[in-house]
Amino acid sequence: MTTTSHASYTEERSLVTRKELVFSSIFVAVGGLIGSLTVPELYLMLIPLSLLLLLFREWKLFRGMSELRRTGVLRFEPRFRTNRKEANRSLTVVLLLIATPMVLSFFLPPLPWLALTMAIVMSWPASNLLEGLTQLVIEKRTGRKLRKFYNWASFRDEVVMKDYGWSLKFD
């Protein structure tokens, strides 16, 4: 007779770490310098693009905000079909972020193309900065710390995610 062991652990972190914020700030500052030297009006596309990416990345948090405030926890169980759809959407967005500047290079002169390319490329780091700002706003309004969590379970040789979500914790 063999015995099996079960282990369960929780990984918890803030939405954006300080390291991510520092690197994102550096990337956006350098990209902003290059973008402002080319065609600043086109570089301003960074603002709506980063807002759209923030909404895309954290739509579950924004959608479940009332439940998070009420109960202090917003929990999701991973489901194969849903996760597959989300992974396909994420892959599509990343491929669009990569392919759009390549396609634009055929239609735009060099300086406008460079400004738009910098705006598209810098939209992901800028959305990291907006995510940090979102975390600060939520923490200030609720008076609690916002944390992203993942619950993992280990069974034999496999590690699977039991659930994930966000929680509001007192200091």
N, C-alpha and C. Protein backbone atom coordinates (compact mmCIF):
# COMPACT_ATOMS: atom_id res chain seq x y z
N MET A 1 0.84 -1.17 0.00
CA MET A 1 0.00 0.00 0.00
C MET A 1 0.89 1.24 0.00
N THR A 2 0.57 2.16 -0.86
CA THR A 2 1.35 3.39 -0.91
C THR A 2 0.55 4.53 -0.31
N THR A 3 1.27 5.45 0.24
CA THR A 3 0.60 6.62 0.80
C THR A 3 0.93 7.82 -0.09
N THR A 4 -0.01 8.69 -0.19
CA THR A 4 0.21 9.90 -0.97
C THR A 4 0.20 11.10 -0.04
N SER A 5 0.98 12.08 -0.38
CA SER A 5 1.02 13.27 0.46
C SER A 5 0.41 14.44 -0.29
N HIS A 6 -0.29 15.24 0.44
CA HIS A 6 -0.88 16.45 -0.11
C HIS A 6 -0.21 17.64 0.56
N ALA A 7 0.18 18.58 -0.23
CA ALA A 7 0.72 19.82 0.32
C ALA A 7 0.00 20.97 -0.35
N SER A 8 -0.27 21.98 0.42
CA SER A 8 -0.97 23.13 -0.12
C SER A 8 -0.25 24.39 0.36
N TYR A 9 -0.10 25.34 -0.52
CA TYR A 9 0.52 26.59 -0.10
C TYR A 9 -0.07 27.75 -0.89
N THR A 10 0.07 28.93 -0.32
CA THR A 10 -0.47 30.14 -0.92
C THR A 10 0.66 31.09 -1.26
N GLU A 11 0.62 31.60 -2.47
CA GLU A 11 1.57 32.61 -2.91
C GLU A 11 0.81 33.93 -2.93
N GLU A 12 1.35 34.93 -2.26
CA GLU A 12 0.66 36.21 -2.16
C GLU A 12 1.63 37.34 -2.46
N ARG A 13 1.17 38.33 -3.23
CA ARG A 13 2.02 39.47 -3.55
C ARG A 13 1.15 40.66 -3.92
N SER A 14 1.78 41.82 -3.98
CA SER A 14 1.05 43.01 -4.42
C SER A 14 0.84 42.93 -5.93
N LEU A 15 -0.03 43.77 -6.46
CA LEU A 15 -0.30 43.73 -7.90
C LEU A 15 0.95 43.98 -8.71
N VAL A 16 1.72 44.98 -8.32
CA VAL A 16 2.95 45.33 -9.02
C VAL A 16 4.04 45.49 -7.97
N THR A 17 5.18 44.84 -8.19
CA THR A 17 6.28 44.96 -7.24
C THR A 17 7.05 46.25 -7.49
N ARG A 18 7.85 46.64 -6.53
CA ARG A 18 8.67 47.85 -6.69
C ARG A 18 9.63 47.72 -7.86
N LYS A 19 10.19 46.53 -8.02
CA LYS A 19 11.13 46.30 -9.12
C LYS A 19 10.45 46.51 -10.47
N GLU A 20 9.22 45.99 -10.61
CA GLU A 20 8.47 46.19 -11.85
C GLU A 20 8.18 47.67 -12.07
N LEU A 21 7.85 48.37 -11.01
CA LEU A 21 7.57 49.81 -11.13
C LEU A 21 8.80 50.59 -11.56
N VAL A 22 9.96 50.25 -11.00
CA VAL A 22 11.20 50.94 -11.35
C VAL A 22 11.55 50.70 -12.82
N PHE A 23 11.54 49.43 -13.24
CA PHE A 23 11.87 49.12 -14.63
C PHE A 23 10.86 49.72 -15.60
N SER A 24 9.58 49.66 -15.25
CA SER A 24 8.56 50.25 -16.11
C SER A 24 8.75 51.76 -16.21
N SER A 25 9.08 52.42 -15.11
CA SER A 25 9.31 53.87 -15.14
C SER A 25 10.48 54.22 -16.04
N ILE A 26 11.55 53.44 -15.94
CA ILE A 26 12.73 53.69 -16.79
C ILE A 26 12.37 53.51 -18.26
N PHE A 27 11.68 52.41 -18.59
CA PHE A 27 11.30 52.16 -19.98
C PHE A 27 10.40 53.26 -20.52
N VAL A 28 9.39 53.66 -19.73
CA VAL A 28 8.46 54.69 -20.20
C VAL A 28 9.18 56.03 -20.35
N ALA A 29 10.12 56.34 -19.45
CA ALA A 29 10.86 57.61 -19.55
C ALA A 29 11.73 57.62 -20.79
N VAL A 30 12.46 56.54 -21.05
CA VAL A 30 13.31 56.48 -22.25
C VAL A 30 12.45 56.50 -23.51
N GLY A 31 11.37 55.72 -23.50
CA GLY A 31 10.46 55.72 -24.65
C GLY A 31 9.81 57.08 -24.84
N GLY A 32 9.49 57.76 -23.75
CA GLY A 32 8.91 59.10 -23.84
C GLY A 32 9.88 60.09 -24.44
N LEU A 33 11.15 59.96 -24.09
CA LEU A 33 12.17 60.84 -24.67
C LEU A 33 12.26 60.63 -26.17
N ILE A 34 12.34 59.37 -26.58
CA ILE A 34 12.42 59.07 -28.02
C ILE A 34 11.13 59.50 -28.73
N GLY A 35 9.99 59.19 -28.13
CA GLY A 35 8.71 59.55 -28.74
C GLY A 35 8.50 61.04 -28.85
N SER A 36 8.95 61.78 -27.83
CA SER A 36 8.76 63.24 -27.88
C SER A 36 9.72 63.90 -28.87
N LEU A 37 10.81 63.27 -29.18
CA LEU A 37 11.74 63.82 -30.17
C LEU A 37 11.28 63.56 -31.60
N THR A 38 10.37 62.63 -31.77
CA THR A 38 9.89 62.32 -33.13
C THR A 38 8.61 63.10 -33.42
N VAL A 39 7.47 62.51 -33.12
CA VAL A 39 6.17 63.17 -33.33
C VAL A 39 5.38 63.02 -32.02
N PRO A 40 5.45 64.01 -31.13
CA PRO A 40 4.83 63.87 -29.81
C PRO A 40 3.33 63.59 -29.84
N GLU A 41 2.62 64.13 -30.84
CA GLU A 41 1.17 63.92 -30.91
C GLU A 41 0.84 62.44 -31.10
N LEU A 42 1.62 61.76 -31.90
CA LEU A 42 1.38 60.33 -32.11
C LEU A 42 1.82 59.51 -30.91
N TYR A 43 2.85 59.97 -30.21
CA TYR A 43 3.30 59.24 -29.03
C TYR A 43 2.24 59.27 -27.93
N LEU A 44 1.37 60.26 -27.95
CA LEU A 44 0.31 60.35 -26.95
C LEU A 44 -0.70 59.22 -27.06
N MET A 45 -0.63 58.43 -28.12
CA MET A 45 -1.45 57.21 -28.23
C MET A 45 -1.13 56.25 -27.10
N LEU A 46 0.00 56.49 -26.43
CA LEU A 46 0.39 55.67 -25.29
C LEU A 46 -0.69 55.66 -24.20
N ILE A 47 -1.33 56.80 -23.99
CA ILE A 47 -2.30 56.91 -22.89
C ILE A 47 -3.50 55.99 -23.10
N PRO A 48 -4.23 56.07 -24.24
CA PRO A 48 -5.35 55.15 -24.39
C PRO A 48 -4.92 53.68 -24.51
N LEU A 49 -3.78 53.44 -25.13
CA LEU A 49 -3.31 52.06 -25.26
C LEU A 49 -3.00 51.45 -23.90
N SER A 50 -2.33 52.21 -23.02
CA SER A 50 -2.00 51.66 -21.70
C SER A 50 -3.25 51.49 -20.86
N LEU A 51 -4.24 52.38 -21.00
CA LEU A 51 -5.51 52.20 -20.29
C LEU A 51 -6.24 50.95 -20.77
N LEU A 52 -6.24 50.72 -22.08
CA LEU A 52 -6.88 49.51 -22.62
C LEU A 52 -6.17 48.25 -22.14
N LEU A 53 -4.85 48.28 -22.10
CA LEU A 53 -4.10 47.12 -21.60
C LEU A 53 -4.37 46.87 -20.12
N LEU A 54 -4.47 47.95 -19.34
CA LEU A 54 -4.79 47.79 -17.92
C LEU A 54 -6.16 47.16 -17.76
N LEU A 55 -7.15 47.63 -18.50
CA LEU A 55 -8.49 47.03 -18.44
C LEU A 55 -8.47 45.58 -18.89
N PHE A 56 -7.69 45.28 -19.92
CA PHE A 56 -7.59 43.91 -20.40
C PHE A 56 -6.96 42.99 -19.35
N ARG A 57 -5.89 43.45 -18.71
CA ARG A 57 -5.16 42.62 -17.76
C ARG A 57 -5.91 42.44 -16.44
N GLU A 58 -6.62 43.47 -15.99
CA GLU A 58 -7.25 43.42 -14.67
C GLU A 58 -8.77 43.50 -14.74
N TRP A 59 -9.39 43.04 -15.81
CA TRP A 59 -10.83 43.16 -15.94
C TRP A 59 -11.58 42.37 -14.88
N LYS A 60 -11.05 41.24 -14.45
CA LYS A 60 -11.73 40.47 -13.39
C LYS A 60 -11.74 41.24 -12.07
N LEU A 61 -10.66 41.94 -11.78
CA LEU A 61 -10.60 42.74 -10.55
C LEU A 61 -11.61 43.88 -10.62
N PHE A 62 -11.65 44.60 -11.73
CA PHE A 62 -12.58 45.72 -11.86
C PHE A 62 -14.03 45.25 -11.83
N ARG A 63 -14.29 44.12 -12.48
CA ARG A 63 -15.65 43.59 -12.52
C ARG A 63 -16.13 43.14 -11.14
N GLY A 64 -15.23 42.57 -10.35
CA GLY A 64 -15.61 42.05 -9.04
C GLY A 64 -15.30 42.98 -7.88
N MET A 65 -15.12 44.26 -8.17
CA MET A 65 -14.72 45.22 -7.13
C MET A 65 -15.75 45.32 -6.01
N SER A 66 -17.03 45.27 -6.31
CA SER A 66 -18.05 45.38 -5.25
C SER A 66 -17.99 44.18 -4.32
N GLU A 67 -17.79 42.99 -4.87
CA GLU A 67 -17.66 41.80 -4.03
C GLU A 67 -16.39 41.86 -3.19
N LEU A 68 -15.32 42.36 -3.76
CA LEU A 68 -14.06 42.49 -3.02
C LEU A 68 -14.23 43.43 -1.84
N ARG A 69 -14.90 44.55 -2.05
CA ARG A 69 -15.14 45.49 -0.94
C ARG A 69 -16.04 44.88 0.13
N ARG A 70 -17.07 44.16 -0.31
CA ARG A 70 -18.04 43.59 0.62
C ARG A 70 -17.46 42.45 1.46
N THR A 71 -16.79 41.49 0.79
CA THR A 71 -16.31 40.30 1.49
C THR A 71 -14.83 40.34 1.84
N GLY A 72 -14.07 41.17 1.14
CA GLY A 72 -12.63 41.24 1.38
C GLY A 72 -11.83 40.25 0.54
N VAL A 73 -12.53 39.38 -0.20
CA VAL A 73 -11.85 38.38 -1.04
C VAL A 73 -12.61 38.23 -2.35
N LEU A 74 -11.87 38.20 -3.43
CA LEU A 74 -12.43 37.92 -4.76
C LEU A 74 -11.69 36.70 -5.26
N ARG A 75 -12.40 35.58 -5.35
CA ARG A 75 -11.76 34.28 -5.62
C ARG A 75 -12.30 33.68 -6.92
N PHE A 76 -11.39 33.10 -7.71
CA PHE A 76 -11.76 32.42 -8.94
C PHE A 76 -11.12 31.03 -8.95
N GLU A 77 -11.88 30.05 -9.41
CA GLU A 77 -11.33 28.71 -9.60
C GLU A 77 -10.94 28.56 -11.07
N PRO A 78 -9.73 28.08 -11.31
CA PRO A 78 -9.33 27.92 -12.71
C PRO A 78 -10.15 26.81 -13.38
N ARG A 79 -10.66 27.10 -14.53
CA ARG A 79 -11.40 26.14 -15.34
C ARG A 79 -10.68 26.04 -16.68
N PHE A 80 -10.59 24.84 -17.19
CA PHE A 80 -9.80 24.60 -18.40
C PHE A 80 -10.31 25.45 -19.57
N ARG A 81 -11.60 25.42 -19.83
CA ARG A 81 -12.15 26.12 -20.99
C ARG A 81 -11.96 27.63 -20.86
N THR A 82 -12.23 28.17 -19.68
CA THR A 82 -12.08 29.61 -19.46
C THR A 82 -10.62 30.02 -19.56
N ASN A 83 -9.74 29.26 -18.95
CA ASN A 83 -8.32 29.59 -19.00
C ASN A 83 -7.78 29.51 -20.42
N ARG A 84 -8.29 28.59 -21.19
CA ARG A 84 -7.85 28.48 -22.57
C ARG A 84 -8.28 29.70 -23.38
N LYS A 85 -9.51 30.16 -23.16
CA LYS A 85 -9.98 31.38 -23.84
C LYS A 85 -9.13 32.58 -23.44
N GLU A 86 -8.87 32.72 -22.14
CA GLU A 86 -8.07 33.85 -21.66
C GLU A 86 -6.65 33.79 -22.20
N ALA A 87 -6.08 32.60 -22.28
CA ALA A 87 -4.73 32.46 -22.82
C ALA A 87 -4.70 32.83 -24.30
N ASN A 88 -5.73 32.44 -25.04
CA ASN A 88 -5.81 32.80 -26.46
C ASN A 88 -5.97 34.31 -26.64
N ARG A 89 -6.78 34.94 -25.79
CA ARG A 89 -6.93 36.40 -25.87
C ARG A 89 -5.62 37.09 -25.55
N SER A 90 -4.93 36.62 -24.53
CA SER A 90 -3.64 37.23 -24.16
C SER A 90 -2.62 37.07 -25.29
N LEU A 91 -2.58 35.90 -25.88
CA LEU A 91 -1.67 35.66 -27.00
C LEU A 91 -1.99 36.59 -28.17
N THR A 92 -3.27 36.78 -28.44
CA THR A 92 -3.68 37.67 -29.52
C THR A 92 -3.23 39.10 -29.25
N VAL A 93 -3.40 39.57 -28.02
CA VAL A 93 -2.99 40.93 -27.67
C VAL A 93 -1.48 41.10 -27.80
N VAL A 94 -0.73 40.14 -27.30
CA VAL A 94 0.74 40.23 -27.39
C VAL A 94 1.18 40.20 -28.85
N LEU A 95 0.59 39.33 -29.65
CA LEU A 95 0.95 39.28 -31.07
C LEU A 95 0.58 40.58 -31.79
N LEU A 96 -0.55 41.19 -31.42
CA LEU A 96 -0.91 42.48 -32.00
C LEU A 96 0.07 43.56 -31.60
N LEU A 97 0.53 43.53 -30.35
CA LEU A 97 1.52 44.51 -29.91
C LEU A 97 2.83 44.36 -30.67
N ILE A 98 3.14 43.15 -31.07
CA ILE A 98 4.38 42.90 -31.81
C ILE A 98 4.19 43.19 -33.29
N ALA A 99 3.08 42.75 -33.86
CA ALA A 99 2.89 42.84 -35.31
C ALA A 99 2.45 44.21 -35.80
N THR A 100 1.73 44.96 -34.99
CA THR A 100 1.22 46.26 -35.44
C THR A 100 2.33 47.20 -35.89
N PRO A 101 3.43 47.37 -35.13
CA PRO A 101 4.50 48.24 -35.64
C PRO A 101 5.09 47.75 -36.97
N MET A 102 5.15 46.43 -37.15
CA MET A 102 5.68 45.91 -38.41
C MET A 102 4.77 46.26 -39.57
N VAL A 103 3.47 46.16 -39.37
CA VAL A 103 2.52 46.49 -40.43
C VAL A 103 2.54 47.99 -40.70
N LEU A 104 2.60 48.79 -39.64
CA LEU A 104 2.62 50.25 -39.80
C LEU A 104 3.85 50.73 -40.56
N SER A 105 4.93 49.98 -40.51
CA SER A 105 6.16 50.41 -41.18
C SER A 105 5.98 50.50 -42.69
N PHE A 106 5.02 49.78 -43.26
CA PHE A 106 4.76 49.85 -44.70
C PHE A 106 3.98 51.10 -45.08
N PHE A 107 3.24 51.68 -44.13
CA PHE A 107 2.31 52.76 -44.46
C PHE A 107 2.74 54.14 -43.98
N LEU A 108 3.67 54.21 -43.04
CA LEU A 108 4.04 55.50 -42.45
C LEU A 108 5.48 55.86 -42.76
N PRO A 109 5.77 57.16 -42.83
CA PRO A 109 7.16 57.59 -42.94
C PRO A 109 7.90 57.29 -41.62
N PRO A 110 9.21 57.34 -41.63
CA PRO A 110 9.99 56.88 -40.46
C PRO A 110 9.67 57.56 -39.13
N LEU A 111 9.59 58.89 -39.08
CA LEU A 111 9.37 59.54 -37.78
C LEU A 111 7.99 59.26 -37.18
N PRO A 112 6.90 59.37 -37.92
CA PRO A 112 5.61 59.00 -37.33
C PRO A 112 5.56 57.51 -36.96
N TRP A 113 6.16 56.67 -37.78
CA TRP A 113 6.20 55.24 -37.47
C TRP A 113 6.93 54.99 -36.16
N LEU A 114 8.06 55.67 -35.96
CA LEU A 114 8.83 55.50 -34.73
C LEU A 114 8.03 55.96 -33.51
N ALA A 115 7.32 57.08 -33.63
CA ALA A 115 6.52 57.57 -32.51
C ALA A 115 5.41 56.58 -32.15
N LEU A 116 4.70 56.07 -33.16
CA LEU A 116 3.63 55.10 -32.89
C LEU A 116 4.18 53.78 -32.37
N THR A 117 5.31 53.37 -32.91
CA THR A 117 5.93 52.13 -32.42
C THR A 117 6.32 52.26 -30.96
N MET A 118 6.91 53.40 -30.60
CA MET A 118 7.28 53.61 -29.19
C MET A 118 6.03 53.63 -28.30
N ALA A 119 4.95 54.24 -28.78
CA ALA A 119 3.71 54.26 -27.99
C ALA A 119 3.16 52.85 -27.80
N ILE A 120 3.20 52.05 -28.86
CA ILE A 120 2.68 50.68 -28.76
C ILE A 120 3.55 49.83 -27.84
N VAL A 121 4.86 49.93 -28.01
CA VAL A 121 5.79 49.13 -27.21
C VAL A 121 5.77 49.56 -25.74
N MET A 122 5.66 50.86 -25.49
CA MET A 122 5.68 51.37 -24.12
C MET A 122 4.32 51.24 -23.41
N SER A 123 3.29 50.81 -24.12
CA SER A 123 1.98 50.71 -23.49
C SER A 123 1.95 49.64 -22.41
N TRP A 124 2.69 48.55 -22.57
CA TRP A 124 2.70 47.51 -21.53
C TRP A 124 3.38 48.01 -20.25
N PRO A 125 4.60 48.58 -20.30
CA PRO A 125 5.18 49.13 -19.07
C PRO A 125 4.34 50.26 -18.48
N ALA A 126 3.71 51.07 -19.32
CA ALA A 126 2.86 52.15 -18.80
C ALA A 126 1.64 51.57 -18.11
N SER A 127 1.13 50.45 -18.59
CA SER A 127 0.00 49.81 -17.90
C SER A 127 0.44 49.24 -16.55
N ASN A 128 1.71 48.85 -16.42
CA ASN A 128 2.23 48.45 -15.11
C ASN A 128 2.19 49.62 -14.14
N LEU A 129 2.56 50.80 -14.62
CA LEU A 129 2.51 51.99 -13.77
C LEU A 129 1.06 52.30 -13.37
N LEU A 130 0.14 52.19 -14.32
CA LEU A 130 -1.27 52.42 -14.01
C LEU A 130 -1.81 51.36 -13.04
N GLU A 131 -1.30 50.15 -13.14
CA GLU A 131 -1.71 49.08 -12.22
C GLU A 131 -1.26 49.42 -10.80
N GLY A 132 -0.05 49.94 -10.67
CA GLY A 132 0.42 50.38 -9.35
C GLY A 132 -0.42 51.53 -8.82
N LEU A 133 -0.79 52.45 -9.69
CA LEU A 133 -1.66 53.56 -9.29
C LEU A 133 -3.05 53.05 -8.89
N THR A 134 -3.56 52.08 -9.62
CA THR A 134 -4.85 51.47 -9.28
C THR A 134 -4.80 50.83 -7.91
N GLN A 135 -3.70 50.13 -7.62
CA GLN A 135 -3.54 49.51 -6.31
C GLN A 135 -3.54 50.57 -5.21
N LEU A 136 -2.82 51.66 -5.42
CA LEU A 136 -2.79 52.73 -4.42
C LEU A 136 -4.17 53.33 -4.18
N VAL A 137 -4.93 53.54 -5.25
CA VAL A 137 -6.28 54.12 -5.13
C VAL A 137 -7.19 53.17 -4.36
N ILE A 138 -7.15 51.89 -4.69
CA ILE A 138 -7.99 50.91 -3.99
C ILE A 138 -7.61 50.84 -2.53
N GLU A 139 -6.32 50.82 -2.23
CA GLU A 139 -5.87 50.75 -0.84
C GLU A 139 -6.27 52.00 -0.06
N LYS A 140 -6.19 53.15 -0.70
CA LYS A 140 -6.56 54.40 -0.02
C LYS A 140 -8.06 54.45 0.25
N ARG A 141 -8.87 54.00 -0.70
CA ARG A 141 -10.33 54.04 -0.53
C ARG A 141 -10.83 53.02 0.48
N THR A 142 -10.20 51.85 0.53
CA THR A 142 -10.68 50.80 1.43
C THR A 142 -9.96 50.82 2.78
N GLY A 143 -8.79 51.42 2.84
CA GLY A 143 -8.02 51.43 4.08
C GLY A 143 -7.34 50.10 4.37
N ARG A 144 -7.27 49.22 3.37
CA ARG A 144 -6.63 47.91 3.52
C ARG A 144 -5.67 47.66 2.37
N LYS A 145 -4.76 46.71 2.56
CA LYS A 145 -3.78 46.37 1.53
C LYS A 145 -4.38 45.39 0.52
N LEU A 146 -4.20 45.69 -0.75
CA LEU A 146 -4.67 44.83 -1.82
C LEU A 146 -3.57 43.84 -2.19
N ARG A 147 -3.91 42.56 -2.17
CA ARG A 147 -2.95 41.51 -2.49
C ARG A 147 -3.53 40.56 -3.51
N LYS A 148 -2.68 40.13 -4.44
CA LYS A 148 -3.05 39.10 -5.41
C LYS A 148 -2.57 37.77 -4.82
N PHE A 149 -3.40 36.73 -4.88
CA PHE A 149 -2.99 35.45 -4.30
C PHE A 149 -3.25 34.30 -5.27
N TYR A 150 -2.46 33.24 -5.07
CA TYR A 150 -2.60 32.00 -5.80
C TYR A 150 -2.51 30.88 -4.79
N ASN A 151 -3.48 29.98 -4.77
CA ASN A 151 -3.43 28.80 -3.91
C ASN A 151 -3.04 27.60 -4.76
N TRP A 152 -1.96 26.94 -4.35
CA TRP A 152 -1.42 25.81 -5.09
C TRP A 152 -1.59 24.55 -4.25
N ALA A 153 -1.79 23.43 -4.90
CA ALA A 153 -1.86 22.14 -4.22
C ALA A 153 -0.90 21.19 -4.92
N SER A 154 -0.18 20.45 -4.10
CA SER A 154 0.76 19.47 -4.62
C SER A 154 0.22 18.08 -4.31
N PHE A 155 0.08 17.29 -5.33
CA PHE A 155 -0.43 15.93 -5.18
C PHE A 155 0.47 15.01 -5.97
N ARG A 156 1.16 14.14 -5.27
CA ARG A 156 2.17 13.26 -5.86
C ARG A 156 3.24 14.10 -6.55
N ASP A 157 3.35 14.01 -7.87
CA ASP A 157 4.38 14.75 -8.59
C ASP A 157 3.84 15.98 -9.30
N GLU A 158 2.58 16.31 -9.09
CA GLU A 158 1.98 17.42 -9.80
C GLU A 158 1.67 18.57 -8.85
N VAL A 159 1.80 19.76 -9.39
CA VAL A 159 1.41 20.97 -8.67
C VAL A 159 0.32 21.64 -9.50
N VAL A 160 -0.84 21.84 -8.89
CA VAL A 160 -1.96 22.45 -9.60
C VAL A 160 -2.47 23.66 -8.84
N MET A 161 -3.05 24.60 -9.57
CA MET A 161 -3.61 25.78 -8.94
C MET A 161 -5.04 25.46 -8.50
N LYS A 162 -5.31 25.67 -7.21
CA LYS A 162 -6.67 25.45 -6.70
C LYS A 162 -7.54 26.65 -6.99
N ASP A 163 -7.07 27.83 -6.66
CA ASP A 163 -7.81 29.05 -6.94
C ASP A 163 -6.86 30.24 -6.91
N TYR A 164 -7.37 31.37 -7.36
CA TYR A 164 -6.58 32.59 -7.41
C TYR A 164 -7.52 33.77 -7.26
N GLY A 165 -6.97 34.92 -6.99
CA GLY A 165 -7.82 36.09 -6.87
C GLY A 165 -7.12 37.23 -6.16
N TRP A 166 -7.92 38.08 -5.53
CA TRP A 166 -7.42 39.25 -4.83
C TRP A 166 -8.03 39.29 -3.44
N SER A 167 -7.28 39.83 -2.50
CA SER A 167 -7.81 39.99 -1.14
C SER A 167 -7.42 41.34 -0.59
N LEU A 168 -8.25 41.82 0.30
CA LEU A 168 -7.97 43.07 1.03
C LEU A 168 -7.62 42.68 2.45
N LYS A 169 -6.44 43.05 2.89
CA LYS A 169 -5.97 42.69 4.22
C LYS A 169 -5.67 43.92 5.06
N PHE A 170 -5.90 43.79 6.35
CA PHE A 170 -5.51 44.86 7.27
C PHE A 170 -4.02 44.75 7.52
N ASP A 171 -3.38 45.89 7.77
CA ASP A 171 -1.93 45.88 8.05
C ASP A 171 -1.61 45.20 9.34
